Amino acid sequence: MIRGFIDREDETGILVEEWNKNHGRLIILYGRRRIGKTRLITEFSKNKPGIMVFAEDTAPRLQIRNMQSECAKFFDDDLLASLDLITWDQLFTYIAQKSLPKRTYLIIDEFTYLIKNDPSILSGLQKSWDTKLSMSNWCIILCGSMLGLMSDLALSSTSPLYGRRTRDIFLEPLPFMHARKFLSVPFKEALRIYLTIGGVPEYLLKAEDYRSFREFIGREFFNRYGYFYREPYFLLTQEFRELKMYQSILNAVAIGNTTPAAIAQFCGTDARHLYPYLESMARLGIIEREEPAFLKSKNGVYRVKDSLFDFWFNFIFPHRQEIETSGYVPTDQELDSYFGRRYESFVRRDFIPGIFPGYRTGRWWYKEDEIDLIAFEQKTSTIIFGEVKWGDLTRSDVKNLLNRLKRKSKLVRHEEYVNEKFVVVAGTIDEKAELLDEGFLVYDMSDIDRLM
């Protein structure tokens, strides 16, 4: 069943804006596999005239033949269908010479398959763009999932298309407020699923069939035939060649080795050799480098940014043999430890900006001291210090956390931010109303549920 189209208003708006402009438009739309690129362009192209080509990873001659066939159908051109075209230059020359009375689209989905098998397609398109297409009624949209290829060959300054594209759109995962619409489970179960697989629409469609988080991961992760049992492995093989090194690095970071020295020791290599791998994964959004607020960058650490990779390298990768033989499912305690970390990041990025708009967010650490949340806003010179807990807190727990938080806040050098506030965010908070009456800033999942 194809369900209703969720979110993507901003991206759809950009495509419509480009469509309505004059002259040729060249749009590059890219993002990881299963993120919803095909659905977006399908929705956008409804009731519009044009050609949509779904590329496959086959020989260049077959790829040219496929696109040639689609063009011949659209223009009802039997002569084109009968020609033996052997280069992309020939095909784009034909397209460029067609006189269009009104705006028409040419959408090539999985354009990276074409680049990978014959990079000359880029120079062929460039030549036709420079001579005729740029002043035509064509709206060309090139979609790609191989992020490395799209970045290096279609978007970089060395690409033949550099300076020609009129817009590029990086399609990101859905935020929780939209991802939740796929799921019919209670709020906390939905949040668990989101913190496990993120906001990738196709992943959420898999999860919507289940009545609980435990049922979902048991069937789709901790089962050798589960949908997610090999998914991160497939994603890595699509992007990288030295698979063992990338897997080792991700395993190291996922289980807590976050500095280059610790990662290198875990992987049995020199820290200097790690940076190209770290930079490649950071560029694709798999990991990220995080720096403590108000401290120098040399204190930065790496963390797994992508929820699916984080969960998989915590629980699947190190337990594959157990899963395939005796069976393995993580304990509640192990899962709570994972969710504790992911919940902190979720609160910083998704929740706090909703209740304190305009604030920059991050966290702070130095040696043994750490503050889960720091948010600051320059106009009002306000800084917020926060503690984030996945579990349930009593009134006494909250007051103890706030007292410790105030002591740690004195270690942070924030001279220009003179107005201090202190926040606690948890799973649930007993006697929350009474704490609010006393002037404490406390939030739990009921507040997140209401906001989102």
Protein backbone atom coordinates (compact mmCIF):
# COMPACT_ATOMS: atom_id res chain seq x y z
CA MET A 1 0.00 0.00 0.00
CA ILE A 2 1.31 3.44 -0.96
CA ARG A 3 0.56 5.75 1.93
CA GLY A 4 0.07 9.50 1.93
CA PHE A 5 3.06 11.70 1.18
CA ILE A 6 4.51 12.98 4.47
CA ASP A 7 6.45 16.22 4.91
CA ARG A 8 9.01 17.35 2.26
CA GLU A 9 7.18 20.68 1.90
CA ASP A 10 10.46 22.62 1.75
CA GLU A 11 12.00 20.38 -0.92
CA THR A 12 8.80 20.30 -2.96
CA GLY A 13 8.62 24.09 -2.73
CA ILE A 14 12.16 24.42 -4.10
CA LEU A 15 11.35 22.13 -7.04
CA VAL A 16 8.18 24.08 -7.82
CA GLU A 17 10.11 27.36 -7.61
CA GLU A 18 12.70 26.06 -10.07
CA TRP A 19 9.97 24.75 -12.39
CA ASN A 20 8.32 28.17 -12.53
CA LYS A 21 11.49 30.08 -13.43
CA ASN A 22 12.56 30.95 -16.97
CA HIS A 23 15.11 29.12 -19.12
CA GLY A 24 16.69 25.75 -18.45
CA ARG A 25 16.95 24.42 -14.92
CA LEU A 26 19.47 21.81 -13.77
CA ILE A 27 18.76 20.39 -10.32
CA ILE A 28 20.83 17.81 -8.46
CA LEU A 29 18.86 15.90 -5.84
CA TYR A 30 20.87 13.53 -3.68
CA GLY A 31 20.65 11.60 -0.43
CA ARG A 32 21.18 8.15 1.02
CA ARG A 33 19.30 5.13 -0.27
CA ARG A 34 15.66 4.75 0.81
CA ILE A 35 15.46 8.38 1.93
CA GLY A 36 12.51 9.10 -0.38
CA LYS A 37 14.05 10.72 -3.46
CA THR A 38 11.99 8.67 -5.92
CA ARG A 39 8.77 9.37 -4.04
CA LEU A 40 9.56 13.10 -3.96
CA ILE A 41 10.17 13.38 -7.69
CA THR A 42 7.16 11.17 -8.44
CA GLU A 43 4.91 13.45 -6.39
CA PHE A 44 6.46 16.57 -7.91
CA SER A 45 6.10 15.39 -11.50
CA LYS A 46 2.39 14.52 -11.25
CA ASN A 47 0.31 16.26 -13.94
CA LYS A 48 3.46 17.72 -15.55
CA PRO A 49 4.80 16.76 -19.00
CA GLY A 50 8.16 15.07 -19.18
CA ILE A 51 10.42 12.05 -19.27
CA MET A 52 11.37 10.00 -16.23
CA VAL A 53 14.23 7.53 -16.55
CA PHE A 54 14.98 4.91 -13.89
CA ALA A 55 18.63 4.02 -14.39
CA GLU A 56 20.00 0.57 -13.59
CA ASP A 57 23.52 -0.63 -12.87
CA THR A 58 24.09 -2.16 -16.31
CA ALA A 59 26.44 -1.68 -19.26
CA PRO A 60 26.58 1.90 -20.66
CA ARG A 61 25.11 0.85 -24.01
CA LEU A 62 22.06 -0.60 -22.24
CA GLN A 63 21.73 2.53 -20.10
CA ILE A 64 21.83 4.74 -23.21
CA ARG A 65 19.29 2.47 -24.90
CA ASN A 66 16.95 2.71 -21.91
CA MET A 67 16.95 6.51 -21.90
CA GLN A 68 16.74 6.63 -25.69
CA SER A 69 13.62 4.45 -25.54
CA GLU A 70 11.94 6.72 -22.97
CA CYS A 71 12.71 9.80 -25.06
CA ALA A 72 11.35 8.12 -28.21
CA LYS A 73 8.11 7.27 -26.43
CA PHE A 74 7.64 10.80 -25.14
CA PHE A 75 8.29 12.45 -28.51
CA ASP A 76 6.59 9.64 -30.44
CA ASP A 77 9.72 9.41 -32.55
CA ASP A 78 10.09 6.07 -34.34
CA LEU A 79 13.29 7.24 -36.01
CA LEU A 80 14.97 7.89 -32.66
CA ALA A 81 13.87 4.47 -31.44
CA SER A 82 15.52 2.83 -34.45
CA LEU A 83 18.87 4.62 -34.22
CA ASP A 84 21.95 2.91 -32.80
CA LEU A 85 23.20 5.61 -30.44
CA ILE A 86 26.48 4.73 -28.72
CA THR A 87 27.38 7.86 -26.75
CA TRP A 88 25.65 10.10 -24.24
CA ASP A 89 26.75 13.08 -26.32
CA GLN A 90 24.56 11.86 -29.20
CA LEU A 91 21.53 11.45 -26.95
CA PHE A 92 21.85 14.81 -25.19
CA THR A 93 22.40 16.51 -28.56
CA TYR A 94 19.06 15.08 -29.70
CA ILE A 95 17.33 16.26 -26.51
CA ALA A 96 18.85 19.73 -26.78
CA GLN A 97 17.62 20.15 -30.34
CA LYS A 98 13.99 19.47 -29.48
CA SER A 99 11.94 22.65 -29.47
CA LEU A 100 9.68 22.71 -26.41
CA PRO A 101 6.65 25.02 -26.34
CA LYS A 102 6.33 24.76 -22.54
CA ARG A 103 8.21 23.62 -19.46
CA THR A 104 9.09 19.90 -19.63
CA TYR A 105 11.03 17.73 -17.21
CA LEU A 106 13.77 15.20 -17.73
CA ILE A 107 14.28 13.25 -14.51
CA ILE A 108 17.03 10.65 -14.25
CA ASP A 109 16.70 8.57 -11.09
CA GLU A 110 19.84 6.83 -9.76
CA PHE A 111 22.01 9.02 -11.97
CA THR A 112 25.06 7.70 -10.11
CA TYR A 113 24.72 4.35 -11.90
CA LEU A 114 25.28 6.22 -15.16
CA ILE A 115 28.25 8.21 -13.81
CA LYS A 116 29.86 5.10 -12.34
CA ASN A 117 29.74 3.12 -15.57
CA ASP A 118 30.49 5.94 -18.01
CA PRO A 119 31.67 9.31 -16.61
CA SER A 120 31.52 10.79 -20.12
CA ILE A 121 27.82 11.40 -19.50
CA LEU A 122 28.86 14.48 -17.51
CA SER A 123 30.79 16.09 -20.33
CA GLY A 124 28.04 15.15 -22.80
CA LEU A 125 25.44 16.89 -20.64
CA GLN A 126 27.76 19.87 -20.11
CA LYS A 127 28.24 20.37 -23.84
CA SER A 128 24.49 20.31 -24.54
CA TRP A 129 23.76 22.51 -21.56
CA ASP A 130 26.23 25.18 -22.64
CA THR A 131 25.01 25.22 -26.24
CA LYS A 132 21.22 24.95 -25.95
CA LEU A 133 19.73 23.40 -22.83
CA SER A 134 20.49 26.34 -20.54
CA MET A 135 18.19 28.59 -22.59
CA SER A 136 15.49 25.96 -23.19
CA ASN A 137 12.28 24.89 -21.44
CA TRP A 138 13.90 21.75 -20.03
CA CYS A 139 13.88 21.20 -16.28
CA ILE A 140 16.47 18.49 -15.68
CA ILE A 141 16.60 16.70 -12.32
CA LEU A 142 19.46 14.31 -11.60
CA CYS A 143 18.92 12.05 -8.57
CA GLY A 144 21.60 9.96 -6.92
CA SER A 145 22.14 7.75 -3.88
CA MET A 146 25.87 7.09 -4.02
CA LEU A 147 26.81 10.16 -2.04
CA GLY A 148 30.54 9.88 -2.65
CA LEU A 149 30.09 9.81 -6.43
CA MET A 150 27.55 12.63 -6.37
CA SER A 151 29.86 14.78 -4.27
CA ASP A 152 33.04 14.07 -6.23
CA LEU A 153 31.75 13.88 -9.80
CA ALA A 154 28.54 15.93 -9.92
CA LEU A 155 28.92 18.59 -7.23
CA SER A 156 32.65 19.26 -6.84
CA SER A 157 34.53 22.14 -8.47
CA THR A 158 36.24 19.66 -10.80
CA SER A 159 32.95 18.31 -12.19
CA PRO A 160 31.93 19.24 -15.76
CA LEU A 161 28.60 20.31 -14.23
CA TYR A 162 30.22 22.77 -11.85
CA GLY A 163 28.65 26.18 -12.28
CA ARG A 164 25.84 24.74 -14.42
CA ARG A 165 23.45 23.42 -11.80
CA THR A 166 20.77 25.89 -10.79
CA ARG A 167 20.00 24.14 -7.50
CA ASP A 168 21.18 21.19 -5.44
CA ILE A 169 19.06 19.55 -2.77
CA PHE A 170 20.41 17.18 -0.13
CA LEU A 171 17.46 15.12 1.09
CA GLU A 172 17.82 14.40 4.80
CA PRO A 173 15.93 12.01 7.10
CA LEU A 174 12.57 13.13 8.41
CA PRO A 175 12.49 14.81 11.83
CA PHE A 176 10.69 12.94 14.58
CA MET A 177 7.54 15.06 14.38
CA HIS A 178 6.99 13.77 10.83
CA ALA A 179 8.56 10.32 11.23
CA ARG A 180 6.09 9.58 14.03
CA LYS A 181 3.20 9.82 11.56
CA PHE A 182 4.28 6.48 10.11
CA LEU A 183 3.91 4.71 13.46
CA SER A 184 0.77 3.73 15.38
CA VAL A 185 2.50 2.67 18.61
CA PRO A 186 2.50 4.75 21.85
CA PHE A 187 4.80 7.75 22.05
CA LYS A 188 7.73 6.16 23.90
CA GLU A 189 7.67 3.11 21.63
CA ALA A 190 7.69 5.43 18.61
CA LEU A 191 10.63 7.35 20.05
CA ARG A 192 12.54 4.08 20.64
CA ILE A 193 12.00 3.11 17.02
CA TYR A 194 13.09 6.55 15.81
CA LEU A 195 16.25 6.47 17.94
CA THR A 196 17.01 3.07 16.38
CA ILE A 197 16.39 3.64 12.67
CA GLY A 198 16.10 7.43 12.31
CA GLY A 199 13.79 9.22 9.92
CA VAL A 200 14.30 7.23 6.71
CA PRO A 201 10.84 6.75 5.20
CA GLU A 202 11.34 3.21 3.89
CA TYR A 203 12.66 2.09 7.26
CA LEU A 204 9.65 3.62 8.99
CA LEU A 205 7.35 1.77 6.60
CA LYS A 206 8.95 -1.47 7.79
CA ALA A 207 8.43 -0.50 11.42
CA GLU A 208 4.80 0.53 11.03
CA ASP A 209 3.74 -3.13 10.74
CA TYR A 210 4.72 -3.86 14.36
CA ARG A 211 2.84 -3.30 17.60
CA SER A 212 5.89 -2.83 19.82
CA PHE A 213 9.55 -1.88 19.67
CA ARG A 214 10.66 -5.28 21.00
CA GLU A 215 8.66 -7.14 18.38
CA PHE A 216 10.12 -4.92 15.67
CA ILE A 217 13.80 -5.35 16.56
CA GLY A 218 13.38 -9.06 17.32
CA ARG A 219 12.02 -9.72 13.88
CA GLU A 220 13.95 -7.23 11.75
CA PHE A 221 17.33 -6.85 13.52
CA PHE A 222 18.04 -9.95 15.62
CA ASN A 223 17.02 -12.39 12.93
CA ARG A 224 19.35 -13.47 10.14
CA TYR A 225 16.52 -12.90 7.66
CA GLY A 226 15.52 -9.53 9.09
CA TYR A 227 15.41 -6.46 6.88
CA PHE A 228 18.00 -4.59 8.97
CA TYR A 229 20.27 -7.54 9.73
CA ARG A 230 22.61 -6.63 6.83
CA GLU A 231 21.36 -3.18 5.79
CA PRO A 232 24.29 -1.07 7.14
CA TYR A 233 26.72 -3.54 5.56
CA PHE A 234 25.06 -3.05 2.17
CA LEU A 235 25.13 0.74 2.58
CA LEU A 236 28.87 0.67 3.34
CA THR A 237 29.67 -1.59 0.39
CA GLN A 238 27.90 0.86 -1.89
CA GLU A 239 30.12 3.75 -0.80
CA PHE A 240 33.49 2.32 0.28
CA ARG A 241 36.06 -0.22 -0.83
CA GLU A 242 38.12 -0.82 2.31
CA LEU A 243 35.14 -2.23 4.14
CA LYS A 244 36.98 -3.84 7.07
CA MET A 245 38.60 -0.57 8.12
CA TYR A 246 35.33 1.36 7.97
CA GLN A 247 33.57 -1.35 9.97
CA SER A 248 36.33 -1.38 12.57
CA ILE A 249 36.19 2.39 12.99
CA LEU A 250 32.40 2.41 13.33
CA ASN A 251 32.53 -0.42 15.84
CA ALA A 252 35.16 1.46 17.85
CA VAL A 253 33.21 4.72 17.93
CA ALA A 254 29.86 3.05 18.65
CA ILE A 255 31.13 1.35 21.79
CA GLY A 256 32.77 4.47 23.19
CA ASN A 257 36.20 4.95 21.63
CA THR A 258 35.64 8.51 20.50
CA THR A 259 39.08 10.14 20.23
CA PRO A 260 41.40 9.45 17.26
CA ALA A 261 43.96 7.86 19.60
CA ALA A 262 41.39 5.49 21.13
CA ILE A 263 39.92 4.62 17.73
CA ALA A 264 43.39 3.91 16.32
CA GLN A 265 44.31 1.69 19.27
CA PHE A 266 41.06 -0.28 18.89
CA CYS A 267 41.65 -0.72 15.13
CA GLY A 268 45.36 -1.50 15.49
CA THR A 269 46.55 1.35 13.30
CA ASP A 270 48.19 4.77 13.49
CA ALA A 271 45.89 7.70 14.28
CA ARG A 272 47.27 9.64 11.32
CA HIS A 273 45.91 7.01 8.94
CA LEU A 274 42.36 7.38 10.27
CA TYR A 275 41.50 10.86 9.08
CA PRO A 276 40.63 10.07 5.42
CA TYR A 277 38.20 7.38 6.65
CA LEU A 278 36.70 9.64 9.30
CA GLU A 279 36.30 12.50 6.84
CA SER A 280 34.63 10.26 4.25
CA MET A 281 32.07 9.00 6.75
CA ALA A 282 31.49 12.47 8.17
CA ARG A 283 30.79 13.80 4.68
CA LEU A 284 28.10 11.14 4.24
CA GLY A 285 26.51 11.85 7.62
CA ILE A 286 27.40 8.50 9.17
CA ILE A 287 29.61 9.97 11.90
CA GLU A 288 30.28 13.50 13.10
CA ARG A 289 32.95 15.36 14.99
CA GLU A 290 31.68 17.02 18.13
CA GLU A 291 33.43 19.79 20.03
CA PRO A 292 32.67 20.89 23.59
CA ALA A 293 30.98 24.27 23.82
CA PHE A 294 33.32 27.12 24.84
CA LEU A 295 36.46 24.98 24.55
CA LYS A 296 39.12 24.68 21.86
CA SER A 297 38.64 22.24 19.01
CA LYS A 298 41.53 19.99 20.05
CA ASN A 299 39.14 18.48 22.59
CA GLY A 300 36.77 17.24 19.86
CA VAL A 301 35.51 13.67 19.72
CA TYR A 302 33.74 11.50 17.15
CA ARG A 303 30.31 9.96 17.52
CA VAL A 304 28.08 7.90 15.26
CA LYS A 305 25.54 10.39 13.97
CA ASP A 306 23.30 7.98 12.06
CA SER A 307 20.94 6.09 14.39
CA LEU A 308 20.82 2.90 12.33
CA PHE A 309 24.61 2.59 12.17
CA ASP A 310 24.88 3.35 15.89
CA PHE A 311 22.37 0.68 16.88
CA TRP A 312 23.75 -1.87 14.43
CA PHE A 313 27.37 -1.49 15.50
CA ASN A 314 26.37 -1.62 19.16
CA PHE A 315 24.19 -4.71 18.99
CA ILE A 316 24.35 -6.57 15.65
CA PHE A 317 27.94 -6.37 14.43
CA PRO A 318 29.56 -7.70 17.65
CA HIS A 319 26.92 -10.45 18.12
CA ARG A 320 26.44 -11.85 14.62
CA GLN A 321 27.58 -15.35 15.53
CA GLU A 322 25.24 -15.50 18.51
CA ILE A 323 22.32 -14.24 16.43
CA GLU A 324 22.90 -16.92 13.80
CA THR A 325 23.45 -19.78 16.25
CA SER A 326 22.11 -19.55 19.79
CA GLY A 327 20.20 -16.30 19.36
CA TYR A 328 20.81 -12.93 20.97
CA VAL A 329 18.62 -10.04 22.08
CA PRO A 330 19.98 -7.15 24.19
CA THR A 331 18.79 -6.73 27.76
CA ASP A 332 16.66 -3.80 28.88
CA GLN A 333 19.69 -2.41 30.69
CA GLU A 334 21.83 -2.54 27.53
CA LEU A 335 19.09 -0.88 25.49
CA ASP A 336 18.54 1.82 28.12
CA SER A 337 22.23 2.67 28.02
CA TYR A 338 22.02 3.08 24.24
CA PHE A 339 18.82 5.11 24.41
CA GLY A 340 20.30 7.31 27.11
CA ARG A 341 22.99 8.50 24.69
CA ARG A 342 20.65 8.89 21.73
CA TYR A 343 18.04 10.68 23.85
CA GLU A 344 20.60 13.32 24.87
CA SER A 345 21.31 14.09 21.22
CA PHE A 346 17.60 14.06 20.38
CA VAL A 347 16.81 16.56 23.14
CA ARG A 348 19.63 18.89 22.02
CA ARG A 349 18.70 18.83 18.35
CA ASP A 350 14.93 18.29 18.22
CA PHE A 351 13.33 19.31 21.50
CA ILE A 352 15.27 22.27 22.94
CA PRO A 353 15.18 24.31 19.68
CA GLY A 354 11.41 23.94 19.82
CA ILE A 355 11.04 25.50 23.27
CA PHE A 356 14.00 27.88 23.03
CA PRO A 357 13.97 29.01 19.37
CA GLY A 358 17.08 30.78 18.15
CA TYR A 359 19.39 29.14 20.69
CA ARG A 360 22.54 27.32 19.61
CA THR A 361 22.84 23.94 21.31
CA GLY A 362 25.67 21.60 22.21
CA ARG A 363 27.24 19.90 25.20
CA TRP A 364 30.32 20.47 27.33
CA TRP A 365 32.94 18.21 28.84
CA TYR A 366 36.37 18.53 30.34
CA LYS A 367 38.29 15.64 31.88
CA GLU A 368 35.79 13.87 34.16
CA ASP A 369 33.12 16.55 34.13
CA GLU A 370 30.33 16.67 31.58
CA ILE A 371 27.16 18.67 30.96
CA ASP A 372 24.60 16.99 28.70
CA LEU A 373 23.10 20.16 27.31
CA ILE A 374 24.23 23.72 26.77
CA ALA A 375 22.07 26.20 24.84
CA PHE A 376 22.94 29.85 24.42
CA GLU A 377 21.55 32.94 22.72
CA GLN A 378 23.62 36.06 22.12
CA LYS A 379 20.94 38.76 21.95
CA THR A 380 19.72 38.14 25.49
CA SER A 381 23.10 36.93 26.78
CA THR A 382 21.34 33.82 28.07
CA ILE A 383 22.88 30.41 28.62
CA ILE A 384 21.02 27.23 29.56
CA PHE A 385 22.66 24.31 31.32
CA GLY A 386 20.80 21.00 31.22
CA GLU A 387 20.86 17.39 32.33
CA VAL A 388 19.10 14.75 30.21
CA LYS A 389 18.01 11.36 31.57
CA TRP A 390 16.23 8.61 29.65
CA GLY A 391 14.77 7.10 32.81
CA ASP A 392 12.28 8.25 35.43
CA LEU A 393 13.15 10.82 38.11
CA THR A 394 11.68 11.68 41.49
CA ARG A 395 11.40 15.21 42.82
CA SER A 396 14.48 14.56 44.95
CA ASP A 397 16.42 13.24 41.93
CA VAL A 398 15.68 16.43 40.01
CA LYS A 399 16.85 18.70 42.82
CA ASN A 400 20.05 16.72 43.26
CA LEU A 401 20.73 16.88 39.52
CA LEU A 402 20.15 20.63 39.47
CA ASN A 403 22.50 21.18 42.41
CA ARG A 404 25.27 19.20 40.70
CA LEU A 405 24.55 20.99 37.43
CA LYS A 406 24.97 24.41 39.07
CA ARG A 407 28.33 23.35 40.51
CA LYS A 408 29.57 22.08 37.12
CA SER A 409 28.33 25.18 35.33
CA LYS A 410 30.93 27.23 37.22
CA LEU A 411 33.64 25.33 35.33
CA VAL A 412 32.36 26.64 31.98
CA ARG A 413 33.86 29.92 30.81
CA HIS A 414 30.92 31.89 29.42
CA GLU A 415 31.64 35.49 30.37
CA GLU A 416 29.42 37.07 27.70
CA TYR A 417 26.38 35.01 28.73
CA VAL A 418 25.36 36.44 32.09
CA ASN A 419 21.79 35.14 32.36
CA GLU A 420 21.85 31.51 33.51
CA LYS A 421 19.04 28.95 33.41
CA PHE A 422 19.06 25.32 34.47
CA VAL A 423 17.00 22.56 32.88
CA VAL A 424 16.30 18.88 33.52
CA VAL A 425 14.75 16.68 30.81
CA ALA A 426 13.83 13.08 31.64
CA GLY A 427 11.58 10.19 30.67
CA THR A 428 9.08 10.99 33.39
CA ILE A 429 9.30 13.29 36.40
CA ASP A 430 7.27 12.69 39.55
CA GLU A 431 5.62 15.75 41.04
CA LYS A 432 6.54 17.77 37.96
CA ALA A 433 3.74 20.27 38.58
CA GLU A 434 5.10 21.07 42.03
CA LEU A 435 8.62 21.55 40.64
CA LEU A 436 7.27 23.90 37.98
CA ASP A 437 5.41 25.86 40.65
CA GLU A 438 8.73 26.28 42.46
CA GLY A 439 10.22 27.83 39.32
CA PHE A 440 12.26 24.87 38.08
CA LEU A 441 12.58 24.24 34.33
CA VAL A 442 11.72 20.54 34.04
CA TYR A 443 10.42 18.60 31.07
CA ASP A 444 9.63 14.99 30.33
CA MET A 445 8.33 12.92 27.43
CA SER A 446 4.79 14.21 27.87
CA ASP A 447 6.12 17.68 27.00
CA ILE A 448 7.98 16.32 23.97
CA ASP A 449 4.83 14.47 22.90
CA ARG A 450 2.77 17.65 23.21
CA LEU A 451 5.31 19.79 21.32
CA MET A 452 5.70 17.33 18.46
